[in-house]
Amino acid sequence: MLITFKTPAAPDVMMLENLAEYLLGIIGKHLTERGVITHEELPSAIQKLEAAVVVDKKERAEHDGHFHEGEEGHEPHEIPIGLAQRAYPFLDMLRLAQKENTDILWGV
């Protein structure tokens, strides 16, 4: 199922339910049928999501190039997309909403 996040400050952001649930969990919210991230919650939400991206990038850098590279019987394969790429549209929306002092809604 697709979840659409809306704010007057930015274009709508649509994402799959599992990603929405994960990102909302990072910022301390639960995915319910309808919800809101108030403008008062945005600074904390942005900080938490940015911190999670930094941790993800650090962990990925530690494993970068170590995906069975050069091991016999293992084909090279693509490194999965990281949190930074997956969270960027949502994080951008959070920042724009904070700048415009508006809330973010979903399920409306």
PDB file of N, CA and C in Angstrom:
ATOM      1  N   MET A   1       0.831  -1.169   0.000  1.00  0.00           N
ATOM      2  CA  MET A   1       0.000   0.000   0.000  1.00  0.00           C
ATOM      3  C   MET A   1       0.887   1.248   0.000  1.00  0.00           C
ATOM      4  N   LEU A   2       0.457   2.271  -0.710  1.00  0.00           N
ATOM      5  CA  LEU A   2       1.189   3.523  -0.762  1.00  0.00           C
ATOM      6  C   LEU A   2       0.677   4.496   0.297  1.00  0.00           C
ATOM      7  N   ILE A   3       1.600   5.187   0.926  1.00  0.00           N
ATOM      8  CA  ILE A   3       1.271   6.222   1.906  1.00  0.00           C
ATOM      9  C   ILE A   3       1.694   7.549   1.282  1.00  0.00           C
ATOM     10  N   THR A   4       0.810   8.536   1.325  1.00  0.00           N
ATOM     11  CA  THR A   4       1.114   9.849   0.773  1.00  0.00           C
ATOM     12  C   THR A   4       1.209  10.866   1.900  1.00  0.00           C
ATOM     13  N   PHE A   5       2.354  11.523   1.970  1.00  0.00           N
ATOM     14  CA  PHE A   5       2.584  12.586   2.932  1.00  0.00           C
ATOM     15  C   PHE A   5       2.342  13.917   2.233  1.00  0.00           C
ATOM     16  N   LYS A   6       1.646  14.832   2.927  1.00  0.00           N
ATOM     17  CA  LYS A   6       1.261  16.110   2.333  1.00  0.00           C
ATOM     18  C   LYS A   6       1.621  17.264   3.257  1.00  0.00           C
ATOM     19  N   THR A   7       2.040  18.350   2.628  1.00  0.00           N
ATOM     20  CA  THR A   7       2.262  19.619   3.320  1.00  0.00           C
ATOM     21  C   THR A   7       2.163  20.724   2.279  1.00  0.00           C
ATOM     22  N   PRO A   8       1.680  21.897   2.662  1.00  0.00           N
ATOM     23  CA  PRO A   8       1.631  22.995   1.702  1.00  0.00           C
ATOM     24  C   PRO A   8       3.020  23.474   1.258  1.00  0.00           C
ATOM     25  N   ALA A   9       4.055  23.127   2.011  1.00  0.00           N
ATOM     26  CA  ALA A   9       5.407  23.622   1.747  1.00  0.00           C
ATOM     27  C   ALA A   9       6.176  22.827   0.695  1.00  0.00           C
ATOM     28  N   ALA A  10       5.660  21.658   0.290  1.00  0.00           N
ATOM     29  CA  ALA A  10       6.426  20.796  -0.613  1.00  0.00           C
ATOM     30  C   ALA A  10       5.480  19.913  -1.426  1.00  0.00           C
ATOM     31  N   PRO A  11       6.001  19.357  -2.527  1.00  0.00           N
ATOM     32  CA  PRO A  11       5.196  18.376  -3.271  1.00  0.00           C
ATOM     33  C   PRO A  11       4.918  17.148  -2.401  1.00  0.00           C
ATOM     34  N   ASP A  12       3.829  16.452  -2.692  1.00  0.00           N
ATOM     35  CA  ASP A  12       3.506  15.224  -1.961  1.00  0.00           C
ATOM     36  C   ASP A  12       4.643  14.221  -2.092  1.00  0.00           C
ATOM     37  N   VAL A  13       4.841  13.439  -1.054  1.00  0.00           N
ATOM     38  CA  VAL A  13       5.817  12.356  -1.064  1.00  0.00           C
ATOM     39  C   VAL A  13       5.060  11.053  -0.848  1.00  0.00           C
ATOM     40  N   MET A  14       5.192  10.146  -1.817  1.00  0.00           N
ATOM     41  CA  MET A  14       4.540   8.838  -1.727  1.00  0.00           C
ATOM     42  C   MET A  14       5.600   7.775  -1.505  1.00  0.00           C
ATOM     43  N   MET A  15       5.277   6.821  -0.632  1.00  0.00           N
ATOM     44  CA  MET A  15       6.203   5.716  -0.391  1.00  0.00           C
ATOM     45  C   MET A  15       5.422   4.471   0.017  1.00  0.00           C
ATOM     46  N   LEU A  16       6.070   3.353  -0.124  1.00  0.00           N
ATOM     47  CA  LEU A  16       5.448   2.102   0.298  1.00  0.00           C
ATOM     48  C   LEU A  16       5.263   2.097   1.807  1.00  0.00           C
ATOM     49  N   GLU A  17       4.272   1.376   2.244  1.00  0.00           N
ATOM     50  CA  GLU A  17       3.907   1.338   3.655  1.00  0.00           C
ATOM     51  C   GLU A  17       5.067   0.923   4.556  1.00  0.00           C
ATOM     52  N   ASN A  18       5.839  -0.070   4.143  1.00  0.00           N
ATOM     53  CA  ASN A  18       6.923  -0.541   5.011  1.00  0.00           C
ATOM     54  C   ASN A  18       8.011   0.513   5.192  1.00  0.00           C
ATOM     55  N   LEU A  19       8.304   1.294   4.149  1.00  0.00           N
ATOM     56  CA  LEU A  19       9.285   2.363   4.283  1.00  0.00           C
ATOM     57  C   LEU A  19       8.713   3.492   5.149  1.00  0.00           C
ATOM     58  N   ALA A  20       7.450   3.837   4.932  1.00  0.00           N
ATOM     59  CA  ALA A  20       6.807   4.878   5.743  1.00  0.00           C
ATOM     60  C   ALA A  20       6.828   4.498   7.219  1.00  0.00           C
ATOM     61  N   GLU A  21       6.508   3.248   7.502  1.00  0.00           N
ATOM     62  CA  GLU A  21       6.509   2.766   8.884  1.00  0.00           C
ATOM     63  C   GLU A  21       7.911   2.855   9.486  1.00  0.00           C
ATOM     64  N   TYR A  22       8.920   2.485   8.707  1.00  0.00           N
ATOM     65  CA  TYR A  22      10.301   2.522   9.172  1.00  0.00           C
ATOM     66  C   TYR A  22      10.759   3.956   9.450  1.00  0.00           C
ATOM     67  N   LEU A  23      10.517   4.862   8.497  1.00  0.00           N
ATOM     68  CA  LEU A  23      10.953   6.245   8.669  1.00  0.00           C
ATOM     69  C   LEU A  23      10.213   6.933   9.810  1.00  0.00           C
ATOM     70  N   LEU A  24       8.923   6.691   9.917  1.00  0.00           N
ATOM     71  CA  LEU A  24       8.172   7.267  11.034  1.00  0.00           C
ATOM     72  C   LEU A  24       8.670   6.716  12.367  1.00  0.00           C
ATOM     73  N   GLY A  25       9.019   5.439  12.393  1.00  0.00           N
ATOM     74  CA  GLY A  25       9.569   4.838  13.608  1.00  0.00           C
ATOM     75  C   GLY A  25      10.862   5.512  14.046  1.00  0.00           C
ATOM     76  N   ILE A  26      11.694   5.868  13.076  1.00  0.00           N
ATOM     77  CA  ILE A  26      12.954   6.550  13.386  1.00  0.00           C
ATOM     78  C   ILE A  26      12.684   7.872  14.095  1.00  0.00           C
ATOM     79  N   ILE A  27      11.645   8.581  13.643  1.00  0.00           N
ATOM     80  CA  ILE A  27      11.374   9.899  14.237  1.00  0.00           C
ATOM     81  C   ILE A  27      10.429   9.825  15.432  1.00  0.00           C
ATOM     82  N   GLY A  28      10.059   8.593  15.815  1.00  0.00           N
ATOM     83  CA  GLY A  28       9.252   8.429  17.024  1.00  0.00           C
ATOM     84  C   GLY A  28       7.747   8.496  16.813  1.00  0.00           C
ATOM     85  N   LYS A  29       7.308   8.251  15.595  1.00  0.00           N
ATOM     86  CA  LYS A  29       5.873   8.260  15.293  1.00  0.00           C
ATOM     87  C   LYS A  29       5.453   6.858  14.862  1.00  0.00           C
ATOM     88  N   HIS A  30       4.155   6.602  14.921  1.00  0.00           N
ATOM     89  CA  HIS A  30       3.613   5.325  14.473  1.00  0.00           C
ATOM     90  C   HIS A  30       2.778   5.556  13.224  1.00  0.00           C
ATOM     91  N   LEU A  31       2.862   4.610  12.295  1.00  0.00           N
ATOM     92  CA  LEU A  31       2.044   4.693  11.093  1.00  0.00           C
ATOM     93  C   LEU A  31       0.636   4.242  11.445  1.00  0.00           C
ATOM     94  N   THR A  32      -0.267   5.173  11.429  1.00  0.00           N
ATOM     95  CA  THR A  32      -1.676   4.905  11.661  1.00  0.00           C
ATOM     96  C   THR A  32      -2.420   5.283  10.388  1.00  0.00           C
ATOM     97  N   GLU A  33      -3.717   5.036  10.370  1.00  0.00           N
ATOM     98  CA  GLU A  33      -4.494   5.350   9.175  1.00  0.00           C
ATOM     99  C   GLU A  33      -4.359   6.816   8.787  1.00  0.00           C
ATOM    100  N   ARG A  34      -4.383   7.686   9.785  1.00  0.00           N
ATOM    101  CA  ARG A  34      -4.191   9.114   9.578  1.00  0.00           C
ATOM    102  C   ARG A  34      -3.225   9.619  10.627  1.00  0.00           C
ATOM    103  N   GLY A  35      -2.441  10.622  10.253  1.00  0.00           N
ATOM    104  CA  GLY A  35      -1.503  11.140  11.223  1.00  0.00           C
ATOM    105  C   GLY A  35      -0.955  12.493  10.844  1.00  0.00           C
ATOM    106  N   VAL A  36      -0.189  13.048  11.769  1.00  0.00           N
ATOM    107  CA  VAL A  36       0.395  14.368  11.562  1.00  0.00           C
ATOM    108  C   VAL A  36       1.762  14.436  12.231  1.00  0.00           C
ATOM    109  N   ILE A  37       2.654  15.147  11.589  1.00  0.00           N
ATOM    110  CA  ILE A  37       3.908  15.565  12.197  1.00  0.00           C
ATOM    111  C   ILE A  37       3.760  17.079  12.307  1.00  0.00           C
ATOM    112  N   THR A  38       3.614  17.565  13.517  1.00  0.00           N
ATOM    113  CA  THR A  38       3.371  18.990  13.697  1.00  0.00           C
ATOM    114  C   THR A  38       4.651  19.787  13.474  1.00  0.00           C
ATOM    115  N   HIS A  39       4.500  21.063  13.188  1.00  0.00           N
ATOM    116  CA  HIS A  39       5.683  21.893  12.951  1.00  0.00           C
ATOM    117  C   HIS A  39       6.563  21.964  14.198  1.00  0.00           C
ATOM    118  N   GLU A  40       5.972  21.773  15.384  1.00  0.00           N
ATOM    119  CA  GLU A  40       6.779  21.753  16.606  1.00  0.00           C
ATOM    120  C   GLU A  40       7.658  20.498  16.683  1.00  0.00           C
ATOM    121  N   GLU A  41       7.212  19.414  16.076  1.00  0.00           N
ATOM    122  CA  GLU A  41       7.962  18.149  16.107  1.00  0.00           C
ATOM    123  C   GLU A  41       9.046  18.070  15.033  1.00  0.00           C
ATOM    124  N   LEU A  42       9.012  18.962  14.071  1.00  0.00           N
ATOM    125  CA  LEU A  42       9.916  18.865  12.926  1.00  0.00           C
ATOM    126  C   LEU A  42      11.405  18.958  13.280  1.00  0.00           C
ATOM    127  N   PRO A  43      11.850  19.883  14.130  1.00  0.00           N
ATOM    128  CA  PRO A  43      13.295  19.927  14.428  1.00  0.00           C
ATOM    129  C   PRO A  43      13.824  18.599  14.984  1.00  0.00           C
ATOM    130  N   SER A  44      13.101  18.008  15.899  1.00  0.00           N
ATOM    131  CA  SER A  44      13.511  16.727  16.470  1.00  0.00           C
ATOM    132  C   SER A  44      13.459  15.613  15.417  1.00  0.00           C
ATOM    133  N   ALA A  45      12.417  15.614  14.605  1.00  0.00           N
ATOM    134  CA  ALA A  45      12.269  14.594  13.560  1.00  0.00           C
ATOM    135  C   ALA A  45      13.420  14.671  12.558  1.00  0.00           C
ATOM    136  N   ILE A  46      13.767  15.873  12.150  1.00  0.00           N
ATOM    137  CA  ILE A  46      14.867  16.067  11.202  1.00  0.00           C
ATOM    138  C   ILE A  46      16.177  15.583  11.821  1.00  0.00           C
ATOM    139  N   GLN A  47      16.410  15.955  13.060  1.00  0.00           N
ATOM    140  CA  GLN A  47      17.639  15.548  13.751  1.00  0.00           C
ATOM    141  C   GLN A  47      17.746  14.023  13.842  1.00  0.00           C
ATOM    142  N   LYS A  48      16.664  13.364  14.215  1.00  0.00           N
ATOM    143  CA  LYS A  48      16.680  11.901  14.354  1.00  0.00           C
ATOM    144  C   LYS A  48      16.907  11.213  13.013  1.00  0.00           C
ATOM    145  N   LEU A  49      16.254  11.706  11.971  1.00  0.00           N
ATOM    146  CA  LEU A  49      16.404  11.084  10.654  1.00  0.00           C
ATOM    147  C   LEU A  49      17.806  11.330  10.102  1.00  0.00           C
ATOM    148  N   GLU A  50      18.334  12.534  10.272  1.00  0.00           N
ATOM    149  CA  GLU A  50      19.702  12.817   9.826  1.00  0.00           C
ATOM    150  C   GLU A  50      20.714  11.940  10.568  1.00  0.00           C
ATOM    151  N   ALA A  51      20.513  11.739  11.867  1.00  0.00           N
ATOM    152  CA  ALA A  51      21.411  10.884  12.648  1.00  0.00           C
ATOM    153  C   ALA A  51      21.353   9.438  12.157  1.00  0.00           C
ATOM    154  N   ALA A  52      20.159   8.952  11.829  1.00  0.00           N
ATOM    155  CA  ALA A  52      20.012   7.586  11.319  1.00  0.00           C
ATOM    156  C   ALA A  52      20.712   7.433   9.973  1.00  0.00           C
ATOM    157  N   VAL A  53      20.650   8.460   9.140  1.00  0.00           N
ATOM    158  CA  VAL A  53      21.333   8.423   7.842  1.00  0.00           C
ATOM    159  C   VAL A  53      22.845   8.366   8.044  1.00  0.00           C
ATOM    160  N   VAL A  54      23.365   9.150   8.985  1.00  0.00           N
ATOM    161  CA  VAL A  54      24.803   9.144   9.265  1.00  0.00           C
ATOM    162  C   VAL A  54      25.250   7.760   9.732  1.00  0.00           C
ATOM    163  N   VAL A  55      24.491   7.159  10.638  1.00  0.00           N
ATOM    164  CA  VAL A  55      24.830   5.815  11.134  1.00  0.00           C
ATOM    165  C   VAL A  55      24.799   4.806   9.985  1.00  0.00           C
ATOM    166  N   ASP A  56      23.761   4.889   9.145  1.00  0.00           N
ATOM    167  CA  ASP A  56      23.648   3.972   8.009  1.00  0.00           C
ATOM    168  C   ASP A  56      24.828   4.134   7.054  1.00  0.00           C
ATOM    169  N   LYS A  57      25.194   5.379   6.756  1.00  0.00           N
ATOM    170  CA  LYS A  57      26.332   5.622   5.855  1.00  0.00           C
ATOM    171  C   LYS A  57      27.624   5.065   6.453  1.00  0.00           C
ATOM    172  N   LYS A  58      27.799   5.228   7.766  1.00  0.00           N
ATOM    173  CA  LYS A  58      29.010   4.723   8.426  1.00  0.00           C
ATOM    174  C   LYS A  58      29.058   3.197   8.332  1.00  0.00           C
ATOM    175  N   GLU A  59      27.940   2.554   8.632  1.00  0.00           N
ATOM    176  CA  GLU A  59      27.891   1.094   8.570  1.00  0.00           C
ATOM    177  C   GLU A  59      28.121   0.594   7.150  1.00  0.00           C
ATOM    178  N   ARG A  60      27.553   1.286   6.173  1.00  0.00           N
ATOM    179  CA  ARG A  60      27.727   0.890   4.778  1.00  0.00           C
ATOM    180  C   ARG A  60      29.178   1.083   4.343  1.00  0.00           C
ATOM    181  N   ALA A  61      29.825   2.156   4.816  1.00  0.00           N
ATOM    182  CA  ALA A  61      31.221   2.407   4.466  1.00  0.00           C
ATOM    183  C   ALA A  61      32.126   1.315   5.034  1.00  0.00           C
ATOM    184  N   GLU A  62      31.785   0.838   6.226  1.00  0.00           N
ATOM    185  CA  GLU A  62      32.579  -0.238   6.841  1.00  0.00           C
ATOM    186  C   GLU A  62      32.481  -1.521   6.023  1.00  0.00           C
ATOM    187  N   HIS A  63      31.349  -1.728   5.366  1.00  0.00           N
ATOM    188  CA  HIS A  63      31.146  -2.944   4.586  1.00  0.00           C
ATOM    189  C   HIS A  63      31.394  -2.730   3.095  1.00  0.00           C
ATOM    190  N   ASP A  64      31.628  -1.490   2.693  1.00  0.00           N
ATOM    191  CA  ASP A  64      31.805  -1.163   1.283  1.00  0.00           C
ATOM    192  C   ASP A  64      32.928  -1.990   0.676  1.00  0.00           C
ATOM    193  N   GLY A  65      32.594  -2.673  -0.394  1.00  0.00           N
ATOM    194  CA  GLY A  65      33.598  -3.469  -1.077  1.00  0.00           C
ATOM    195  C   GLY A  65      33.841  -4.825  -0.454  1.00  0.00           C
ATOM    196  N   HIS A  66      33.118  -5.159   0.579  1.00  0.00           N
ATOM    197  CA  HIS A  66      33.343  -6.429   1.253  1.00  0.00           C
ATOM    198  C   HIS A  66      32.188  -7.404   1.049  1.00  0.00           C
ATOM    199  N   PHE A  67      31.434  -7.232  -0.006  1.00  0.00           N
ATOM    200  CA  PHE A  67      30.307  -8.107  -0.296  1.00  0.00           C
ATOM    201  C   PHE A  67      30.795  -9.319  -1.084  1.00  0.00           C
ATOM    202  N   HIS A  68      31.583 -10.155  -0.447  1.00  0.00           N
ATOM    203  CA  HIS A  68      32.124 -11.385  -1.040  1.00  0.00           C
ATOM    204  C   HIS A  68      33.006 -11.096  -2.249  1.00  0.00           C
ATOM    205  N   GLU A  69      33.544  -9.907  -2.322  1.00  0.00           N
ATOM    206  CA  GLU A  69      34.355  -9.529  -3.460  1.00  0.00           C
ATOM    207  C   GLU A  69      35.600 -10.400  -3.527  1.00  0.00           C
ATOM    208  N   GLY A  70      35.786 -11.009  -4.664  1.00  0.00           N
ATOM    209  CA  GLY A  70      36.975 -11.809  -4.891  1.00  0.00           C
ATOM    210  C   GLY A  70      36.927 -13.206  -4.292  1.00  0.00           C
ATOM    211  N   GLU A  71      35.838 -13.534  -3.597  1.00  0.00           N
ATOM    212  CA  GLU A  71      35.730 -14.872  -3.028  1.00  0.00           C
ATOM    213  C   GLU A  71      35.312 -15.845  -4.116  1.00  0.00           C
ATOM    214  N   GLU A  72      35.894 -17.002  -4.063  1.00  0.00           N
ATOM    215  CA  GLU A  72      35.594 -18.021  -5.066  1.00  0.00           C
ATOM    216  C   GLU A  72      34.128 -18.436  -4.963  1.00  0.00           C
ATOM    217  N   GLY A  73      33.474 -18.503  -6.113  1.00  0.00           N
ATOM    218  CA  GLY A  73      32.082 -18.932  -6.164  1.00  0.00           C
ATOM    219  C   GLY A  73      31.071 -17.826  -5.918  1.00  0.00           C
ATOM    220  N   HIS A  74      31.526 -16.610  -5.697  1.00  0.00           N
ATOM    221  CA  HIS A  74      30.607 -15.491  -5.471  1.00  0.00           C
ATOM    222  C   HIS A  74      30.703 -14.508  -6.623  1.00  0.00           C
ATOM    223  N   GLU A  75      29.550 -14.247  -7.216  1.00  0.00           N
ATOM    224  CA  GLU A  75      29.464 -13.266  -8.292  1.00  0.00           C
ATOM    225  C   GLU A  75      29.413 -11.870  -7.693  1.00  0.00           C
ATOM    226  N   PRO A  76      30.016 -10.876  -8.361  1.00  0.00           N
ATOM    227  CA  PRO A  76      29.852  -9.509  -7.871  1.00  0.00           C
ATOM    228  C   PRO A  76      28.388  -9.083  -8.018  1.00  0.00           C
ATOM    229  N   HIS A  77      27.899  -8.290  -7.075  1.00  0.00           N
ATOM    230  CA  HIS A  77      26.526  -7.825  -7.159  1.00  0.00           C
ATOM    231  C   HIS A  77      26.430  -6.390  -6.651  1.00  0.00           C
ATOM    232  N   GLU A  78      25.310  -5.788  -6.958  1.00  0.00           N
ATOM    233  CA  GLU A  78      25.112  -4.396  -6.571  1.00  0.00           C
ATOM    234  C   GLU A  78      24.909  -4.267  -5.067  1.00  0.00           C
ATOM    235  N   ILE A  79      25.385  -3.167  -4.537  1.00  0.00           N
ATOM    236  CA  ILE A  79      25.180  -2.857  -3.132  1.00  0.00           C
ATOM    237  C   ILE A  79      23.766  -2.290  -2.999  1.00  0.00           C
ATOM    238  N   PRO A  80      22.983  -2.761  -2.045  1.00  0.00           N
ATOM    239  CA  PRO A  80      21.611  -2.279  -1.900  1.00  0.00           C
ATOM    240  C   PRO A  80      21.548  -0.773  -1.630  1.00  0.00           C
ATOM    241  N   ILE A  81      20.430  -0.169  -1.992  1.00  0.00           N
ATOM    242  CA  ILE A  81      20.217   1.262  -1.783  1.00  0.00           C
ATOM    243  C   ILE A  81      20.199   1.551  -0.283  1.00  0.00           C
ATOM    244  N   GLY A  82      20.872   2.601   0.111  1.00  0.00           N
ATOM    245  CA  GLY A  82      20.967   2.948   1.524  1.00  0.00           C
ATOM    246  C   GLY A  82      19.840   3.850   1.997  1.00  0.00           C
ATOM    247  N   LEU A  83      19.844   4.068   3.289  1.00  0.00           N
ATOM    248  CA  LEU A  83      18.826   4.898   3.913  1.00  0.00           C
ATOM    249  C   LEU A  83      18.853   6.328   3.374  1.00  0.00           C
ATOM    250  N   ALA A  84      20.029   6.861   3.083  1.00  0.00           N
ATOM    251  CA  ALA A  84      20.126   8.238   2.594  1.00  0.00           C
ATOM    252  C   ALA A  84      19.286   8.429   1.329  1.00  0.00           C
ATOM    253  N   GLN A  85      19.396   7.503   0.385  1.00  0.00           N
ATOM    254  CA  GLN A  85      18.630   7.613  -0.858  1.00  0.00           C
ATOM    255  C   GLN A  85      17.140   7.405  -0.619  1.00  0.00           C
ATOM    256  N   ARG A  86      16.816   6.470   0.232  1.00  0.00           N
ATOM    257  CA  ARG A  86      15.411   6.156   0.481  1.00  0.00           C
ATOM    258  C   ARG A  86      14.718   7.244   1.291  1.00  0.00           C
ATOM    259  N   ALA A  87      15.445   7.885   2.193  1.00  0.00           N
ATOM    260  CA  ALA A  87      14.843   8.874   3.085  1.00  0.00           C
ATOM    261  C   ALA A  87      14.898  10.296   2.528  1.00  0.00           C
ATOM    262  N   TYR A  88      15.708  10.534   1.486  1.00  0.00           N
ATOM    263  CA  TYR A  88      15.927  11.899   1.021  1.00  0.00           C
ATOM    264  C   TYR A  88      14.642  12.669   0.705  1.00  0.00           C
ATOM    265  N   PRO A  89      13.696  12.131  -0.073  1.00  0.00           N
ATOM    266  CA  PRO A  89      12.493  12.922  -0.373  1.00  0.00           C
ATOM    267  C   PRO A  89      11.709  13.304   0.886  1.00  0.00           C
ATOM    268  N   PHE A  90      11.630  12.382   1.842  1.00  0.00           N
ATOM    269  CA  PHE A  90      10.911  12.634   3.084  1.00  0.00           C
ATOM    270  C   PHE A  90      11.661  13.664   3.931  1.00  0.00           C
ATOM    271  N   LEU A  91      12.971  13.524   4.023  1.00  0.00           N
ATOM    272  CA  LEU A  91      13.790  14.461   4.783  1.00  0.00           C
ATOM    273  C   LEU A  91      13.709  15.856   4.169  1.00  0.00           C
ATOM    274  N   ASP A  92      13.724  15.930   2.858  1.00  0.00           N
ATOM    275  CA  ASP A  92      13.576  17.211   2.170  1.00  0.00           C
ATOM    276  C   ASP A  92      12.228  17.843   2.506  1.00  0.00           C
ATOM    277  N   MET A  93      11.174  17.026   2.518  1.00  0.00           N
ATOM    278  CA  MET A  93       9.842  17.522   2.878  1.00  0.00           C
ATOM    279  C   MET A  93       9.831  18.055   4.308  1.00  0.00           C
ATOM    280  N   LEU A  94      10.452  17.329   5.230  1.00  0.00           N
ATOM    281  CA  LEU A  94      10.517  17.777   6.622  1.00  0.00           C
ATOM    282  C   LEU A  94      11.201  19.136   6.723  1.00  0.00           C
ATOM    283  N   ARG A  95      12.304  19.296   6.009  1.00  0.00           N
ATOM    284  CA  ARG A  95      13.046  20.558   6.058  1.00  0.00           C
ATOM    285  C   ARG A  95      12.229  21.713   5.474  1.00  0.00           C
ATOM    286  N   LEU A  96      11.562  21.467   4.345  1.00  0.00           N
ATOM    287  CA  LEU A  96      10.746  22.514   3.725  1.00  0.00           C
ATOM    288  C   LEU A  96       9.560  22.892   4.612  1.00  0.00           C
ATOM    289  N   ALA A  97       8.936  21.893   5.232  1.00  0.00           N
ATOM    290  CA  ALA A  97       7.815  22.165   6.138  1.00  0.00           C
ATOM    291  C   ALA A  97       8.284  22.970   7.343  1.00  0.00           C
ATOM    292  N   GLN A  98       9.473  22.656   7.849  1.00  0.00           N
ATOM    293  CA  GLN A  98      10.020  23.413   8.981  1.00  0.00           C
ATOM    294  C   GLN A  98      10.267  24.862   8.573  1.00  0.00           C
ATOM    295  N   LYS A  99      10.827  25.039   7.391  1.00  0.00           N
ATOM    296  CA  LYS A  99      11.124  26.381   6.898  1.00  0.00           C
ATOM    297  C   LYS A  99       9.844  27.216   6.763  1.00  0.00           C
ATOM    298  N   GLU A 100       8.751  26.566   6.332  1.00  0.00           N
ATOM    299  CA  GLU A 100       7.479  27.261   6.132  1.00  0.00           C
ATOM    300  C   GLU A 100       6.573  27.211   7.375  1.00  0.00           C
ATOM    301  N   ASN A 101       7.056  26.538   8.428  1.00  0.00           N
ATOM    302  CA  ASN A 101       6.295  26.428   9.683  1.00  0.00           C
ATOM    303  C   ASN A 101       4.926  25.757   9.468  1.00  0.00           C
ATOM    304  N   THR A 102       4.929  24.656   8.707  1.00  0.00           N
ATOM    305  CA  THR A 102       3.697  23.931   8.426  1.00  0.00           C
ATOM    306  C   THR A 102       3.787  22.486   8.924  1.00  0.00           C
ATOM    307  N   ASP A 103       2.660  21.843   9.050  1.00  0.00           N
ATOM    308  CA  ASP A 103       2.581  20.450   9.479  1.00  0.00           C
ATOM    309  C   ASP A 103       2.671  19.529   8.260  1.00  0.00           C
ATOM    310  N   ILE A 104       2.951  18.253   8.526  1.00  0.00           N
ATOM    311  CA  ILE A 104       2.911  17.212   7.506  1.00  0.00           C
ATOM    312  C   ILE A 104       1.813  16.237   7.899  1.00  0.00           C
ATOM    313  N   LEU A 105       0.953  15.913   6.949  1.00  0.00           N
ATOM    314  CA  LEU A 105      -0.173  15.021   7.199  1.00  0.00           C
ATOM    315  C   LEU A 105      -0.077  13.786   6.318  1.00  0.00           C
ATOM    316  N   TRP A 106      -0.691  12.690   6.772  1.00  0.00           N
ATOM    317  CA  TRP A 106      -0.905  11.536   5.902  1.00  0.00           C
ATOM    318  C   TRP A 106      -2.256  10.947   6.203  1.00  0.00           C
ATOM    319  N   GLY A 107      -2.792  10.237   5.211  1.00  0.00           N
ATOM    320  CA  GLY A 107      -4.105   9.588   5.368  1.00  0.00           C
ATOM    321  C   GLY A 107      -5.271  10.521   5.181  1.00  0.00           C
ATOM    322  N   VAL A 108      -5.023  11.665   4.577  1.00  0.00           N
ATOM    323  CA  VAL A 108      -6.120  12.637   4.350  1.00  0.00           C
ATOM    324  C   VAL A 108      -6.380  12.796   2.866  1.00  0.00           C
TER     325      VAL A 108
END
